[in-house]
Amino acid sequence: MQPLGTKISLHIAMVFTMAMFFLGCQDTYKRVGEEKQIEVFPQGVAQNFELTYTETTEELESEDAGISRVIAVLKSPISEDYDNMIFKYRTFPNGLEVEYFDKDNKKSTITADYGIIYSNTNVIELKGNVVIETHDGKKLEAPQLYWDRKDDWIFTQEKFTYTNPEDGTIMDGEGMDFNRDFSFFNAHRTFGLMTIKEEES
């Protein structure tokens, strides 16, 4: 039988050995150079952000005055500006709403949980509960959309639901592209209920 002091010494030695083992497993390596993760901070943060896009009805010279019209209004609780990066962008982490107007000043809206505008390419990426509602009641719902502002073209590879009250159709599909007023609509794959009106002769 071992004396009590020997048992206590053995237990202390085991605890000390285990502590050394766990301390030796910690990552204390300091990363530098290319290994170090670059922290990115916005150059500016705006709360209750609102941006109005306008265009003139005719081309103007430097000293001319002319009439302009509102083509879109973008609203968001927070906007983070990363235009200080090589590939410039602006994020809307708490969601956004875009109201856009056609030539007859009829309003349509786009809402999403998250948005990012890529300044160099003029592309807007929308994520999370993306809903487009046009002035005539058409509605598109998708988890993600891209809007090319330069070509006025919207597209996605995700699943979507498109509701058209004019002809009473509800179309579910996956992948599509269309222009802003839905006058051209190309669904890549469709499924679900769709009714087609026949023209009377």
Protein backbone atom coordinates (compact mmCIF):
# COMPACT_ATOMS: atom_id res chain seq x y z
CA MET A 1 0.00 0.00 0.00
CA GLN A 2 1.36 3.40 -1.06
CA PRO A 3 1.62 6.17 1.52
CA LEU A 4 -0.89 9.03 1.29
CA GLY A 5 1.79 11.59 0.38
CA THR A 6 2.86 9.53 -2.65
CA LYS A 7 -0.76 9.37 -3.92
CA ILE A 8 -1.19 13.11 -3.58
CA SER A 9 2.12 13.75 -5.35
CA LEU A 10 1.06 11.39 -8.16
CA HIS A 11 -2.29 13.22 -8.59
CA ILE A 12 -0.58 16.64 -8.61
CA ALA A 13 1.88 15.36 -11.23
CA MET A 14 -0.98 14.06 -13.42
CA VAL A 15 -2.93 17.37 -13.16
CA PHE A 16 0.22 19.35 -13.96
CA THR A 17 0.98 17.08 -16.97
CA MET A 18 -2.59 17.46 -18.32
CA ALA A 19 -2.46 21.24 -17.88
CA MET A 20 0.83 21.37 -19.81
CA PHE A 21 -0.70 19.19 -22.53
CA PHE A 22 -3.73 21.50 -23.01
CA LEU A 23 -1.67 24.67 -22.84
CA GLY A 24 0.68 23.25 -25.46
CA CYS A 25 -2.28 22.74 -27.85
CA GLN A 26 -3.29 26.42 -27.93
CA ASP A 27 -2.68 28.36 -31.15
CA THR A 28 -0.41 31.21 -30.11
CA TYR A 29 1.07 31.67 -33.58
CA LYS A 30 0.88 35.30 -34.68
CA ARG A 31 -0.07 35.58 -38.34
CA VAL A 32 1.67 38.26 -40.38
CA GLY A 33 2.05 39.19 -44.03
CA GLU A 34 -0.17 37.34 -46.51
CA GLU A 35 -1.45 34.97 -43.80
CA LYS A 36 -3.01 37.78 -41.80
CA GLN A 37 -6.70 38.27 -42.50
CA ILE A 38 -7.37 41.77 -43.78
CA GLU A 39 -9.99 43.65 -41.80
CA VAL A 40 -12.24 45.76 -44.00
CA PHE A 41 -14.02 48.83 -42.67
CA PRO A 42 -16.43 51.14 -44.50
CA GLN A 43 -15.29 54.67 -45.22
CA GLY A 44 -18.70 55.89 -44.16
CA VAL A 45 -21.90 54.67 -42.52
CA ALA A 46 -25.22 56.47 -43.05
CA GLN A 47 -28.39 55.94 -41.03
CA ASN A 48 -31.86 56.46 -42.52
CA PHE A 49 -30.23 56.53 -45.94
CA GLU A 50 -32.23 57.88 -48.89
CA LEU A 51 -30.86 58.31 -52.40
CA THR A 52 -32.84 59.78 -55.31
CA TYR A 53 -31.84 58.98 -58.90
CA THR A 54 -32.90 61.54 -61.51
CA GLU A 55 -32.41 61.98 -65.22
CA THR A 56 -32.95 64.88 -67.58
CA THR A 57 -35.41 64.55 -70.41
CA GLU A 58 -32.87 65.97 -72.88
CA GLU A 59 -29.09 66.17 -73.10
CA LEU A 60 -27.72 69.32 -71.50
CA GLU A 61 -24.57 71.37 -71.98
CA SER A 62 -22.52 72.59 -69.00
CA GLU A 63 -24.44 75.87 -68.52
CA ASP A 64 -27.91 74.68 -69.57
CA ALA A 65 -30.87 74.33 -67.24
CA GLY A 66 -33.43 71.67 -67.90
CA ILE A 67 -36.22 69.57 -66.50
CA SER A 68 -35.34 66.36 -64.72
CA ARG A 69 -37.54 63.54 -63.51
CA VAL A 70 -37.14 61.06 -60.63
CA ILE A 71 -36.46 57.56 -61.91
CA ALA A 72 -35.79 55.79 -58.56
CA VAL A 73 -35.65 56.37 -54.81
CA LEU A 74 -33.59 54.01 -52.65
CA LYS A 75 -34.26 53.89 -48.89
CA SER A 76 -32.48 51.89 -46.18
CA PRO A 77 -32.03 52.07 -42.38
CA ILE A 78 -28.23 51.73 -42.75
CA SER A 79 -25.86 52.12 -45.69
CA GLU A 80 -22.17 51.19 -45.50
CA ASP A 81 -19.91 52.82 -48.10
CA TYR A 82 -16.89 50.78 -49.29
CA ASP A 83 -15.93 53.06 -52.19
CA ASN A 84 -12.43 53.21 -50.66
CA MET A 85 -11.78 49.63 -51.90
CA ILE A 86 -10.30 48.73 -55.30
CA PHE A 87 -13.60 47.02 -56.23
CA LYS A 88 -16.03 49.64 -54.95
CA TYR A 89 -19.38 48.72 -53.41
CA ARG A 90 -22.07 49.88 -50.98
CA THR A 91 -24.00 47.54 -48.67
CA PHE A 92 -27.42 47.73 -47.04
CA PRO A 93 -27.16 45.15 -44.23
CA ASN A 94 -30.57 45.88 -42.68
CA GLY A 95 -32.54 45.74 -45.90
CA LEU A 96 -33.65 48.25 -48.50
CA GLU A 97 -36.61 49.49 -50.51
CA VAL A 98 -36.37 50.83 -54.05
CA GLU A 99 -39.22 52.77 -55.63
CA TYR A 100 -38.79 53.19 -59.37
CA PHE A 101 -40.90 55.16 -61.82
CA ASP A 102 -41.63 54.60 -65.50
CA LYS A 103 -41.97 57.36 -68.10
CA ASP A 104 -45.60 57.90 -67.09
CA ASN A 105 -44.49 58.32 -63.44
CA LYS A 106 -46.14 55.05 -62.36
CA LYS A 107 -44.44 53.62 -59.27
CA SER A 108 -43.19 50.05 -58.72
CA THR A 109 -41.26 48.80 -55.67
CA ILE A 110 -38.51 46.35 -54.80
CA THR A 111 -37.80 45.24 -51.22
CA ALA A 112 -35.12 42.90 -49.83
CA ASP A 113 -33.52 41.95 -46.49
CA TYR A 114 -29.99 42.73 -47.78
CA GLY A 115 -28.57 44.62 -50.72
CA ILE A 116 -25.23 45.47 -52.25
CA ILE A 117 -24.48 47.88 -55.11
CA TYR A 118 -21.29 47.21 -57.08
CA SER A 119 -20.26 50.70 -58.20
CA ASN A 120 -17.83 49.60 -60.95
CA THR A 121 -20.31 47.33 -62.73
CA ASN A 122 -23.62 49.08 -61.88
CA VAL A 123 -25.07 45.77 -60.67
CA ILE A 124 -27.30 45.52 -57.58
CA GLU A 125 -27.47 42.21 -55.71
CA LEU A 126 -30.56 41.65 -53.55
CA LYS A 127 -30.86 38.81 -51.00
CA GLY A 128 -33.51 37.51 -48.64
CA ASN A 129 -37.27 37.86 -49.22
CA VAL A 130 -36.84 39.81 -52.45
CA VAL A 131 -40.21 41.12 -53.66
CA ILE A 132 -40.89 43.16 -56.80
CA GLU A 133 -44.36 44.71 -57.13
CA THR A 134 -45.16 46.59 -60.31
CA HIS A 135 -47.66 49.45 -60.65
CA ASP A 136 -50.12 47.14 -62.44
CA GLY A 137 -50.14 44.50 -59.66
CA LYS A 138 -47.61 41.96 -60.97
CA LYS A 139 -45.53 40.43 -58.18
CA LEU A 140 -42.28 38.48 -58.18
CA GLU A 141 -40.84 36.78 -55.07
CA ALA A 142 -37.37 35.20 -54.91
CA PRO A 143 -34.57 34.63 -52.36
CA GLN A 144 -31.98 36.40 -54.55
CA LEU A 145 -31.96 38.70 -57.59
CA TYR A 146 -29.41 40.66 -59.60
CA TRP A 147 -30.36 43.94 -61.27
CA ASP A 148 -28.10 45.27 -64.02
CA ARG A 149 -28.94 48.98 -63.95
CA LYS A 150 -26.96 49.78 -67.09
CA ASP A 151 -28.92 47.35 -69.28
CA ASP A 152 -32.06 47.54 -67.09
CA TRP A 153 -32.08 43.75 -66.81
CA ILE A 154 -33.00 41.58 -63.79
CA PHE A 155 -32.01 37.92 -63.41
CA THR A 156 -31.66 35.03 -60.95
CA GLN A 157 -30.82 31.32 -60.88
CA GLU A 158 -32.89 30.77 -57.71
CA LYS A 159 -36.49 29.58 -57.32
CA PHE A 160 -39.20 32.20 -57.78
CA THR A 161 -42.95 32.81 -57.67
CA TYR A 162 -44.50 35.15 -60.23
CA THR A 163 -48.10 36.35 -59.85
CA ASN A 164 -49.89 38.12 -62.68
CA PRO A 165 -53.39 39.33 -61.71
CA GLU A 166 -54.19 40.46 -65.28
CA ASP A 167 -54.51 36.88 -66.51
CA GLY A 168 -54.89 35.19 -63.10
CA THR A 169 -51.67 33.17 -63.29
CA ILE A 170 -49.28 32.04 -60.57
CA MET A 171 -46.04 30.62 -61.91
CA ASP A 172 -43.38 28.86 -59.84
CA GLY A 173 -40.00 28.26 -61.41
CA GLU A 174 -36.26 28.22 -61.11
CA GLY A 175 -34.01 30.67 -62.92
CA MET A 176 -35.25 33.57 -65.02
CA ASP A 177 -34.42 36.93 -66.51
CA PHE A 178 -36.61 39.86 -67.51
CA ASN A 179 -36.67 43.60 -68.10
CA ARG A 180 -37.81 46.02 -65.41
CA ASP A 181 -41.43 46.41 -66.52
CA PHE A 182 -41.95 42.66 -67.19
CA SER A 183 -42.74 43.29 -70.87
CA PHE A 184 -40.15 40.59 -71.64
CA PHE A 185 -39.99 37.62 -69.26
CA ASN A 186 -37.90 34.47 -69.78
CA ALA A 187 -38.35 31.68 -67.21
CA HIS A 188 -35.70 28.95 -67.46
CA ARG A 189 -37.73 26.22 -65.74
CA THR A 190 -41.35 26.42 -64.59
CA PHE A 191 -43.76 24.34 -62.56
CA GLY A 192 -47.07 24.96 -60.79
CA LEU A 193 -50.46 26.33 -61.77
CA MET A 194 -50.76 28.47 -64.87
CA THR A 195 -53.90 29.41 -66.78
CA ILE A 196 -53.76 30.72 -70.31
CA LYS A 197 -56.51 32.87 -71.80
CA GLU A 198 -57.56 32.04 -75.33
CA GLU A 199 -58.33 34.86 -77.71
CA GLU A 200 -61.88 35.04 -78.93
CA SER A 201 -62.28 34.76 -82.68
